Amino acid sequence: MIKLNGNTYQFSAEIFFEMFNDRLKLMIIWYLSNGTMRFKELSKFLQPITNKTLSAKLKQLEELHLIEREVFAEVPPRVEYTLSPHGQQLKPVIDEVIAWSQHYAKTFGQTINEE
């Protein structure tokens, strides 16, 4: 048994599945793996996401110590998000998932040419 953040888990894999119980958190990690981004940039890439939903997901990832938020004392305020050291450790995992997805798509998918 593992106790973490007030929860009890039988297997360590359950921790990962609970942390990433939706695709948005993994997508945010993936975008941030390419470098620091601002809220508006993330929002643009994750359309059609609402600002409220994006704010909630970013807060959850920050509480999980996977991303870091830096606020600059400027007018208007500037906030930048980057992966924490723990978040950086997810990059090879996500790269493997993407490689698997590409292989799966080539095997079972079909290319559509839009003209």
C-alpha atoms as a PDB file:
ATOM      1  CA  MET A   1       0.000   0.000   0.000  1.00  0.00           C
ATOM      2  CA  ILE A   2       1.115   3.521  -0.776  1.00  0.00           C
ATOM      3  CA  LYS A   3      -0.179   6.636   0.968  1.00  0.00           C
ATOM      4  CA  LEU A   4       0.148   9.862  -1.022  1.00  0.00           C
ATOM      5  CA  ASN A   5      -1.671  13.183  -0.788  1.00  0.00           C
ATOM      6  CA  GLY A   6      -4.339  11.748   1.488  1.00  0.00           C
ATOM      7  CA  ASN A   7      -5.040   8.801  -0.829  1.00  0.00           C
ATOM      8  CA  THR A   8      -4.170   5.124  -0.513  1.00  0.00           C
ATOM      9  CA  TYR A   9      -3.050   3.112  -3.524  1.00  0.00           C
ATOM     10  CA  GLN A  10      -2.483  -0.612  -3.912  1.00  0.00           C
ATOM     11  CA  PHE A  11      -0.176  -0.183  -6.914  1.00  0.00           C
ATOM     12  CA  SER A  12       2.089   2.680  -7.955  1.00  0.00           C
ATOM     13  CA  ALA A  13       0.545   2.683 -11.453  1.00  0.00           C
ATOM     14  CA  GLU A  14      -2.687   3.926  -9.879  1.00  0.00           C
ATOM     15  CA  ILE A  15      -0.905   7.158  -8.951  1.00  0.00           C
ATOM     16  CA  PHE A  16      -0.125   7.912 -12.603  1.00  0.00           C
ATOM     17  CA  PHE A  17      -3.633   7.043 -13.798  1.00  0.00           C
ATOM     18  CA  GLU A  18      -5.215   9.241 -11.153  1.00  0.00           C
ATOM     19  CA  MET A  19      -2.871  12.157 -11.874  1.00  0.00           C
ATOM     20  CA  PHE A  20      -3.596  11.990 -15.588  1.00  0.00           C
ATOM     21  CA  ASN A  21      -7.261  11.089 -15.549  1.00  0.00           C
ATOM     22  CA  ASP A  22      -7.880  13.313 -18.558  1.00  0.00           C
ATOM     23  CA  ARG A  23      -6.047  14.079 -21.771  1.00  0.00           C
ATOM     24  CA  LEU A  24      -5.658  17.806 -21.113  1.00  0.00           C
ATOM     25  CA  LYS A  25      -3.052  17.424 -18.379  1.00  0.00           C
ATOM     26  CA  LEU A  26      -0.851  15.230 -20.566  1.00  0.00           C
ATOM     27  CA  MET A  27      -1.281  17.602 -23.497  1.00  0.00           C
ATOM     28  CA  ILE A  28      -0.202  20.552 -21.330  1.00  0.00           C
ATOM     29  CA  ILE A  29       2.883  18.599 -20.228  1.00  0.00           C
ATOM     30  CA  TRP A  30       3.615  17.787 -23.872  1.00  0.00           C
ATOM     31  CA  TYR A  31       3.362  21.414 -25.006  1.00  0.00           C
ATOM     32  CA  LEU A  32       5.499  22.612 -22.091  1.00  0.00           C
ATOM     33  CA  SER A  33       8.120  19.964 -22.879  1.00  0.00           C
ATOM     34  CA  ASN A  34       9.043  22.190 -25.826  1.00  0.00           C
ATOM     35  CA  GLY A  35       9.688  25.181 -23.567  1.00  0.00           C
ATOM     36  CA  THR A  36       8.124  27.873 -21.429  1.00  0.00           C
ATOM     37  CA  MET A  37       4.705  29.113 -22.495  1.00  0.00           C
ATOM     38  CA  ARG A  38       2.229  31.754 -21.460  1.00  0.00           C
ATOM     39  CA  PHE A  39      -1.442  31.147 -20.690  1.00  0.00           C
ATOM     40  CA  LYS A  40      -2.685  32.525 -24.038  1.00  0.00           C
ATOM     41  CA  GLU A  41      -0.270  30.316 -25.980  1.00  0.00           C
ATOM     42  CA  LEU A  42      -1.461  27.198 -24.191  1.00  0.00           C
ATOM     43  CA  SER A  43      -5.068  28.242 -24.661  1.00  0.00           C
ATOM     44  CA  LYS A  44      -4.532  28.647 -28.402  1.00  0.00           C
ATOM     45  CA  PHE A  45      -3.009  25.169 -28.767  1.00  0.00           C
ATOM     46  CA  LEU A  46      -5.669  23.482 -26.624  1.00  0.00           C
ATOM     47  CA  GLN A  47      -8.756  24.909 -28.353  1.00  0.00           C
ATOM     48  CA  PRO A  48     -11.663  24.591 -27.714  1.00  0.00           C
ATOM     49  CA  ILE A  49     -10.700  24.822 -24.034  1.00  0.00           C
ATOM     50  CA  THR A  50     -12.226  27.455 -21.769  1.00  0.00           C
ATOM     51  CA  ASN A  51     -10.021  29.745 -19.692  1.00  0.00           C
ATOM     52  CA  LYS A  52     -11.658  28.356 -16.538  1.00  0.00           C
ATOM     53  CA  THR A  53     -10.803  24.756 -17.477  1.00  0.00           C
ATOM     54  CA  LEU A  54      -7.241  25.627 -18.478  1.00  0.00           C
ATOM     55  CA  SER A  55      -6.724  27.551 -15.225  1.00  0.00           C
ATOM     56  CA  ALA A  56      -7.978  24.563 -13.226  1.00  0.00           C
ATOM     57  CA  LYS A  57      -5.716  22.087 -15.076  1.00  0.00           C
ATOM     58  CA  LEU A  58      -2.663  24.335 -14.666  1.00  0.00           C
ATOM     59  CA  LYS A  59      -3.391  24.713 -10.949  1.00  0.00           C
ATOM     60  CA  GLN A  60      -3.708  20.919 -10.558  1.00  0.00           C
ATOM     61  CA  LEU A  61      -0.403  20.340 -12.362  1.00  0.00           C
ATOM     62  CA  GLU A  62       1.272  22.975 -10.200  1.00  0.00           C
ATOM     63  CA  GLU A  63      -0.089  21.318  -7.029  1.00  0.00           C
ATOM     64  CA  LEU A  64       1.319  17.995  -8.298  1.00  0.00           C
ATOM     65  CA  HIS A  65       4.738  19.690  -8.664  1.00  0.00           C
ATOM     66  CA  LEU A  66       4.813  18.938 -12.403  1.00  0.00           C
ATOM     67  CA  ILE A  67       4.823  22.527 -13.631  1.00  0.00           C
ATOM     68  CA  GLU A  68       6.077  25.816 -12.253  1.00  0.00           C
ATOM     69  CA  ARG A  69       4.312  29.139 -12.556  1.00  0.00           C
ATOM     70  CA  GLU A  70       6.262  32.382 -12.651  1.00  0.00           C
ATOM     71  CA  VAL A  71       4.484  35.715 -12.254  1.00  0.00           C
ATOM     72  CA  PHE A  72       6.261  38.838 -13.428  1.00  0.00           C
ATOM     73  CA  ALA A  73       5.513  42.156 -11.739  1.00  0.00           C
ATOM     74  CA  GLU A  74       4.488  43.980 -14.883  1.00  0.00           C
ATOM     75  CA  VAL A  75       1.440  45.805 -16.132  1.00  0.00           C
ATOM     76  CA  PRO A  76      -0.369  43.913 -17.528  1.00  0.00           C
ATOM     77  CA  PRO A  77       0.790  40.939 -15.441  1.00  0.00           C
ATOM     78  CA  ARG A  78       2.755  38.283 -17.296  1.00  0.00           C
ATOM     79  CA  VAL A  79       2.604  34.645 -16.195  1.00  0.00           C
ATOM     80  CA  GLU A  80       4.783  31.907 -17.653  1.00  0.00           C
ATOM     81  CA  TYR A  81       4.522  28.167 -17.191  1.00  0.00           C
ATOM     82  CA  THR A  82       7.373  25.695 -17.437  1.00  0.00           C
ATOM     83  CA  LEU A  83       7.943  22.070 -16.540  1.00  0.00           C
ATOM     84  CA  SER A  84       9.367  21.403 -13.101  1.00  0.00           C
ATOM     85  CA  PRO A  85      12.224  18.900 -12.753  1.00  0.00           C
ATOM     86  CA  HIS A  86       9.596  16.209 -11.993  1.00  0.00           C
ATOM     87  CA  GLY A  87       7.605  17.271 -15.045  1.00  0.00           C
ATOM     88  CA  GLN A  88      10.747  17.035 -17.193  1.00  0.00           C
ATOM     89  CA  GLN A  89      11.004  13.372 -16.227  1.00  0.00           C
ATOM     90  CA  LEU A  90       7.717  12.743 -18.066  1.00  0.00           C
ATOM     91  CA  LYS A  91       9.144  13.837 -21.426  1.00  0.00           C
ATOM     92  CA  PRO A  92      10.594  10.410 -22.382  1.00  0.00           C
ATOM     93  CA  VAL A  93       7.317   8.759 -21.341  1.00  0.00           C
ATOM     94  CA  ILE A  94       5.293  11.096 -23.544  1.00  0.00           C
ATOM     95  CA  ASP A  95       7.774  10.669 -26.419  1.00  0.00           C
ATOM     96  CA  GLU A  96       7.220   6.885 -26.223  1.00  0.00           C
ATOM     97  CA  VAL A  97       3.444   7.315 -26.212  1.00  0.00           C
ATOM     98  CA  ILE A  98       3.685   9.575 -29.271  1.00  0.00           C
ATOM     99  CA  ALA A  99       5.923   7.058 -31.080  1.00  0.00           C
ATOM    100  CA  TRP A 100       3.402   4.313 -30.279  1.00  0.00           C
ATOM    101  CA  SER A 101       0.532   6.526 -31.522  1.00  0.00           C
ATOM    102  CA  GLN A 102       2.341   7.232 -34.789  1.00  0.00           C
ATOM    103  CA  HIS A 103       2.976   3.533 -35.351  1.00  0.00           C
ATOM    104  CA  TYR A 104      -0.642   2.690 -34.515  1.00  0.00           C
ATOM    105  CA  ALA A 105      -1.913   5.371 -36.914  1.00  0.00           C
ATOM    106  CA  LYS A 106       0.320   4.093 -39.734  1.00  0.00           C
ATOM    107  CA  THR A 107      -0.790   0.518 -39.131  1.00  0.00           C
ATOM    108  CA  PHE A 108      -4.528   1.021 -38.743  1.00  0.00           C
ATOM    109  CA  GLY A 109      -5.227   4.551 -39.965  1.00  0.00           C
ATOM    110  CA  GLN A 110      -5.563   6.075 -43.354  1.00  0.00           C
ATOM    111  CA  THR A 111      -4.129   9.294 -44.754  1.00  0.00           C
ATOM    112  CA  ILE A 112      -6.698  11.839 -45.837  1.00  0.00           C
ATOM    113  CA  ASN A 113      -5.673  14.487 -48.347  1.00  0.00           C
ATOM    114  CA  GLU A 114      -7.728  17.626 -47.918  1.00  0.00           C
ATOM    115  CA  GLU A 115      -7.855  19.832 -50.971  1.00  0.00           C
END
